[in-house]
Amino acid sequence: MVEHDETIFLIRLARLNEAIRLADCAHLSYKKYVEQIGQQPAPMLEDYIQIIQQHQVWVAEYHHKVVGFAVLKQTEEGFLLDNLAIHPDYQGLGGGGTLLRHAEEQARQLGYDSIYLYTHEKMMDNQALYSRKGYREYERRQEEGYSRVFMRKML
C-alpha cells in the first residue's frame, strides 16, 4: 500500500477482467482533450485486453476500486511510461503521483537510468505537470497522426 496525504492507494498489476474498467477510465480521463487537440487522444482508442496481455499495466486501487492505471513498456529508446490515467472523480488525491513514482521505481529496478513519456503538443498542462516532476523535453515528433512532445527524467 502507498500512502499519500492520508489517501491510501494499492498499486498492483492489472487483471485481464479489468480491461473494460481501464478503457472507461481512459475515455473519461482523456475526453477533456478531444476538443483541445481536435481528435481523440490515442489512449481512448486502445484495446486494453491486448495492452494488459503485452505490457506492464499497474492499477491504483482506492477503497477496493480501480481509479487509475499506468502502462509501462520497454522499448528500443528505453523505459516508457506510455499512458497514465486517473478517473476524473479521483483526480487530485495523489493517485497519479503515486503511479508516476511507481513507474520510475519499476524503471530503476529493471536497470534503467531514465524513464521517458510523451504527450500531445497541445496538452500544455501535462507538459507543465511533468516538468514539475523532473521531466525535460528532448524531442518533438509526428507519430500516428499526433504531434507529440517527448520528455525524459533521469533516475
C-alpha atoms as a PDB file:
ATOM      1  CA  MET A   1       0.000   0.000   0.000  1.00  0.00           C
ATOM      2  CA  VAL A   2       1.122   3.509  -0.764  1.00  0.00           C
ATOM      3  CA  GLU A   3       0.114   6.387   1.448  1.00  0.00           C
ATOM      4  CA  HIS A   4      -0.225   9.980   0.228  1.00  0.00           C
ATOM      5  CA  ASP A   5      -1.818  12.789   2.211  1.00  0.00           C
ATOM      6  CA  GLU A   6      -3.933  10.314   4.202  1.00  0.00           C
ATOM      7  CA  THR A   7      -5.127   8.698   0.961  1.00  0.00           C
ATOM      8  CA  ILE A   8      -4.100   5.075   0.572  1.00  0.00           C
ATOM      9  CA  PHE A   9      -3.654   3.531  -2.839  1.00  0.00           C
ATOM     10  CA  LEU A  10      -2.959  -0.106  -3.510  1.00  0.00           C
ATOM     11  CA  ILE A  11      -0.723  -0.413  -6.583  1.00  0.00           C
ATOM     12  CA  ARG A  12      -0.866  -3.800  -8.303  1.00  0.00           C
ATOM     13  CA  LEU A  13      -0.740  -5.380 -11.739  1.00  0.00           C
ATOM     14  CA  ALA A  14      -3.941  -5.159 -13.769  1.00  0.00           C
ATOM     15  CA  ARG A  15      -6.082  -8.227 -14.292  1.00  0.00           C
ATOM     16  CA  LEU A  16      -7.428  -9.149 -17.708  1.00  0.00           C
ATOM     17  CA  ASN A  17     -11.025  -8.875 -16.482  1.00  0.00           C
ATOM     18  CA  GLU A  18     -10.382  -5.182 -15.680  1.00  0.00           C
ATOM     19  CA  ALA A  19      -9.830  -4.192 -19.325  1.00  0.00           C
ATOM     20  CA  ILE A  20     -13.276  -2.595 -19.636  1.00  0.00           C
ATOM     21  CA  ARG A  21     -12.728  -0.581 -16.448  1.00  0.00           C
ATOM     22  CA  LEU A  22      -9.375   0.665 -17.792  1.00  0.00           C
ATOM     23  CA  ALA A  23     -10.912   1.615 -21.142  1.00  0.00           C
ATOM     24  CA  ASP A  24     -13.678   3.535 -19.321  1.00  0.00           C
ATOM     25  CA  CYS A  25     -11.103   5.252 -17.118  1.00  0.00           C
ATOM     26  CA  ALA A  26      -9.016   6.256 -20.149  1.00  0.00           C
ATOM     27  CA  HIS A  27     -12.058   7.543 -22.009  1.00  0.00           C
ATOM     28  CA  LEU A  28     -13.264   9.646 -19.069  1.00  0.00           C
ATOM     29  CA  SER A  29      -9.780  10.876 -18.234  1.00  0.00           C
ATOM     30  CA  TYR A  30      -8.870  11.944 -21.766  1.00  0.00           C
ATOM     31  CA  LYS A  31     -12.208  13.154 -23.166  1.00  0.00           C
ATOM     32  CA  LYS A  32     -11.492  16.709 -21.995  1.00  0.00           C
ATOM     33  CA  TYR A  33      -8.677  16.851 -24.565  1.00  0.00           C
ATOM     34  CA  VAL A  34     -10.709  15.895 -27.663  1.00  0.00           C
ATOM     35  CA  GLU A  35     -11.746  19.457 -28.478  1.00  0.00           C
ATOM     36  CA  GLN A  36      -8.363  20.866 -27.470  1.00  0.00           C
ATOM     37  CA  ILE A  37      -6.344  18.654 -29.843  1.00  0.00           C
ATOM     38  CA  GLY A  38      -9.039  18.108 -32.476  1.00  0.00           C
ATOM     39  CA  GLN A  39      -9.108  14.313 -32.242  1.00  0.00           C
ATOM     40  CA  GLN A  40      -9.412  11.513 -29.712  1.00  0.00           C
ATOM     41  CA  PRO A  41      -6.172  11.014 -27.787  1.00  0.00           C
ATOM     42  CA  ALA A  42      -4.556   7.643 -28.513  1.00  0.00           C
ATOM     43  CA  PRO A  43      -5.358   6.156 -25.047  1.00  0.00           C
ATOM     44  CA  MET A  44      -9.085   6.453 -25.865  1.00  0.00           C
ATOM     45  CA  LEU A  45      -8.596   4.124 -28.845  1.00  0.00           C
ATOM     46  CA  GLU A  46      -6.516   1.349 -27.247  1.00  0.00           C
ATOM     47  CA  ASP A  47      -7.516  -2.307 -26.893  1.00  0.00           C
ATOM     48  CA  TYR A  48      -6.932  -2.756 -23.171  1.00  0.00           C
ATOM     49  CA  ILE A  49      -7.193  -6.541 -23.283  1.00  0.00           C
ATOM     50  CA  GLN A  50      -4.224  -6.536 -25.642  1.00  0.00           C
ATOM     51  CA  ILE A  51      -2.392  -3.880 -23.596  1.00  0.00           C
ATOM     52  CA  ILE A  52      -2.740  -5.923 -20.380  1.00  0.00           C
ATOM     53  CA  GLN A  53      -1.559  -9.073 -22.163  1.00  0.00           C
ATOM     54  CA  GLN A  54       1.510  -7.443 -23.744  1.00  0.00           C
ATOM     55  CA  HIS A  55       2.774  -4.830 -21.275  1.00  0.00           C
ATOM     56  CA  GLN A  56       3.128  -3.940 -17.623  1.00  0.00           C
ATOM     57  CA  VAL A  57      -0.144  -2.346 -16.581  1.00  0.00           C
ATOM     58  CA  TRP A  58      -0.325  -1.180 -12.987  1.00  0.00           C
ATOM     59  CA  VAL A  59      -3.583  -0.075 -11.410  1.00  0.00           C
ATOM     60  CA  ALA A  60      -4.232   2.227  -8.482  1.00  0.00           C
ATOM     61  CA  GLU A  61      -6.995   0.985  -6.196  1.00  0.00           C
ATOM     62  CA  TYR A  62      -8.741   3.327  -3.795  1.00  0.00           C
ATOM     63  CA  HIS A  63     -11.137   1.694  -1.319  1.00  0.00           C
ATOM     64  CA  HIS A  64     -11.082  -1.520  -3.406  1.00  0.00           C
ATOM     65  CA  LYS A  65     -11.984   0.306  -6.632  1.00  0.00           C
ATOM     66  CA  VAL A  66      -9.669   0.736  -9.633  1.00  0.00           C
ATOM     67  CA  VAL A  67      -9.356   4.509 -10.077  1.00  0.00           C
ATOM     68  CA  GLY A  68      -6.362   4.779 -12.392  1.00  0.00           C
ATOM     69  CA  PHE A  69      -3.611   2.977 -14.212  1.00  0.00           C
ATOM     70  CA  ALA A  70      -0.194   3.262 -15.839  1.00  0.00           C
ATOM     71  CA  VAL A  71       1.042   1.380 -18.903  1.00  0.00           C
ATOM     72  CA  LEU A  72       4.796   0.714 -18.918  1.00  0.00           C
ATOM     73  CA  LYS A  73       6.810  -0.576 -21.859  1.00  0.00           C
ATOM     74  CA  GLN A  74      10.413  -1.471 -22.557  1.00  0.00           C
ATOM     75  CA  THR A  75      11.326  -0.046 -25.974  1.00  0.00           C
ATOM     76  CA  GLU A  76      14.433   0.489 -28.086  1.00  0.00           C
ATOM     77  CA  GLU A  77      14.567   4.039 -26.669  1.00  0.00           C
ATOM     78  CA  GLY A  78      14.375   2.898 -23.055  1.00  0.00           C
ATOM     79  CA  PHE A  79      11.686   2.575 -20.403  1.00  0.00           C
ATOM     80  CA  LEU A  80       8.438   4.215 -21.499  1.00  0.00           C
ATOM     81  CA  LEU A  81       5.550   5.444 -19.397  1.00  0.00           C
ATOM     82  CA  ASP A  82       3.120   5.012 -22.279  1.00  0.00           C
ATOM     83  CA  ASN A  83      -0.065   6.043 -20.524  1.00  0.00           C
ATOM     84  CA  LEU A  84      -1.132   7.316 -17.124  1.00  0.00           C
ATOM     85  CA  ALA A  85      -4.826   7.882 -16.481  1.00  0.00           C
ATOM     86  CA  ILE A  86      -6.819   8.688 -13.360  1.00  0.00           C
ATOM     87  CA  HIS A  87     -10.615   8.614 -13.322  1.00  0.00           C
ATOM     88  CA  PRO A  88     -11.805  12.263 -13.112  1.00  0.00           C
ATOM     89  CA  ASP A  89     -13.737  11.595  -9.886  1.00  0.00           C
ATOM     90  CA  TYR A  90     -10.459  10.658  -8.179  1.00  0.00           C
ATOM     91  CA  GLN A  91      -8.077  13.226  -9.632  1.00  0.00           C
ATOM     92  CA  GLY A  92      -6.286  15.391  -7.084  1.00  0.00           C
ATOM     93  CA  LEU A  93      -5.997  12.670  -4.428  1.00  0.00           C
ATOM     94  CA  GLY A  94      -2.422  11.716  -5.297  1.00  0.00           C
ATOM     95  CA  GLY A  95      -3.075   8.597  -7.361  1.00  0.00           C
ATOM     96  CA  GLY A  96      -1.354   9.988 -10.437  1.00  0.00           C
ATOM     97  CA  GLY A  97       1.756  10.932  -8.488  1.00  0.00           C
ATOM     98  CA  THR A  98       1.758   7.537  -6.797  1.00  0.00           C
ATOM     99  CA  LEU A  99       1.597   5.751 -10.165  1.00  0.00           C
ATOM    100  CA  LEU A 100       4.286   8.053 -11.587  1.00  0.00           C
ATOM    101  CA  ARG A 101       6.651   7.257  -8.710  1.00  0.00           C
ATOM    102  CA  HIS A 102       5.857   3.557  -9.108  1.00  0.00           C
ATOM    103  CA  ALA A 103       6.704   3.722 -12.836  1.00  0.00           C
ATOM    104  CA  GLU A 104      10.019   5.385 -12.018  1.00  0.00           C
ATOM    105  CA  GLU A 105      10.788   2.697  -9.445  1.00  0.00           C
ATOM    106  CA  GLN A 106       9.977  -0.045 -11.972  1.00  0.00           C
ATOM    107  CA  ALA A 107      12.433   1.542 -14.404  1.00  0.00           C
ATOM    108  CA  ARG A 108      15.138   1.633 -11.702  1.00  0.00           C
ATOM    109  CA  GLN A 109      14.508  -1.990 -10.714  1.00  0.00           C
ATOM    110  CA  LEU A 110      14.941  -3.058 -14.343  1.00  0.00           C
ATOM    111  CA  GLY A 111      18.275  -1.228 -14.549  1.00  0.00           C
ATOM    112  CA  TYR A 112      17.252   1.867 -16.493  1.00  0.00           C
ATOM    113  CA  ASP A 113      18.874   5.196 -15.671  1.00  0.00           C
ATOM    114  CA  SER A 114      15.946   7.183 -17.093  1.00  0.00           C
ATOM    115  CA  ILE A 115      12.284   6.983 -17.974  1.00  0.00           C
ATOM    116  CA  TYR A 116      10.522   8.734 -20.819  1.00  0.00           C
ATOM    117  CA  LEU A 117       6.995   9.640 -21.840  1.00  0.00           C
ATOM    118  CA  TYR A 118       5.197  11.690 -24.424  1.00  0.00           C
ATOM    119  CA  THR A 119       2.165  13.919 -24.519  1.00  0.00           C
ATOM    120  CA  HIS A 120       0.392  15.873 -27.222  1.00  0.00           C
ATOM    121  CA  GLU A 121       1.975  19.237 -28.023  1.00  0.00           C
ATOM    122  CA  LYS A 122      -1.343  20.979 -27.259  1.00  0.00           C
ATOM    123  CA  MET A 123      -1.631  19.391 -23.805  1.00  0.00           C
ATOM    124  CA  MET A 124       0.293  22.194 -22.135  1.00  0.00           C
ATOM    125  CA  ASP A 125      -0.983  21.326 -18.645  1.00  0.00           C
ATOM    126  CA  ASN A 126       0.523  17.827 -18.935  1.00  0.00           C
ATOM    127  CA  GLN A 127       3.838  19.254 -20.126  1.00  0.00           C
ATOM    128  CA  ALA A 128       3.898  21.638 -17.166  1.00  0.00           C
ATOM    129  CA  LEU A 129       2.993  18.864 -14.716  1.00  0.00           C
ATOM    130  CA  TYR A 130       5.731  16.546 -15.961  1.00  0.00           C
ATOM    131  CA  SER A 131       8.246  19.421 -15.938  1.00  0.00           C
ATOM    132  CA  ARG A 132       7.459  19.994 -12.255  1.00  0.00           C
ATOM    133  CA  LYS A 133       8.121  16.274 -11.672  1.00  0.00           C
ATOM    134  CA  GLY A 134      11.604  16.498 -13.217  1.00  0.00           C
ATOM    135  CA  TYR A 135      10.886  15.524 -16.835  1.00  0.00           C
ATOM    136  CA  ARG A 136      12.603  17.536 -19.568  1.00  0.00           C
ATOM    137  CA  GLU A 137      11.578  17.844 -23.195  1.00  0.00           C
ATOM    138  CA  TYR A 138      14.091  16.263 -25.569  1.00  0.00           C
ATOM    139  CA  GLU A 139      12.247  15.892 -28.868  1.00  0.00           C
ATOM    140  CA  ARG A 140       9.057  16.603 -30.832  1.00  0.00           C
ATOM    141  CA  ARG A 141       7.735  14.112 -33.380  1.00  0.00           C
ATOM    142  CA  GLN A 142       4.753  13.400 -35.582  1.00  0.00           C
ATOM    143  CA  GLU A 143       3.629   9.834 -34.819  1.00  0.00           C
ATOM    144  CA  GLU A 144       0.451   8.000 -35.723  1.00  0.00           C
ATOM    145  CA  GLY A 145      -1.239  11.289 -36.636  1.00  0.00           C
ATOM    146  CA  TYR A 146      -0.312  13.021 -33.364  1.00  0.00           C
ATOM    147  CA  SER A 147       2.106  15.892 -32.670  1.00  0.00           C
ATOM    148  CA  ARG A 148       3.980  14.580 -29.650  1.00  0.00           C
ATOM    149  CA  VAL A 149       6.342  16.147 -27.146  1.00  0.00           C
ATOM    150  CA  PHE A 150       8.822  13.606 -25.713  1.00  0.00           C
ATOM    151  CA  MET A 151      10.107  14.127 -22.176  1.00  0.00           C
ATOM    152  CA  ARG A 152      12.684  12.220 -20.152  1.00  0.00           C
ATOM    153  CA  LYS A 153      13.630  12.070 -16.488  1.00  0.00           C
ATOM    154  CA  MET A 154      16.992  10.847 -15.290  1.00  0.00           C
ATOM    155  CA  LEU A 155      16.661   8.492 -12.332  1.00  0.00           C
END
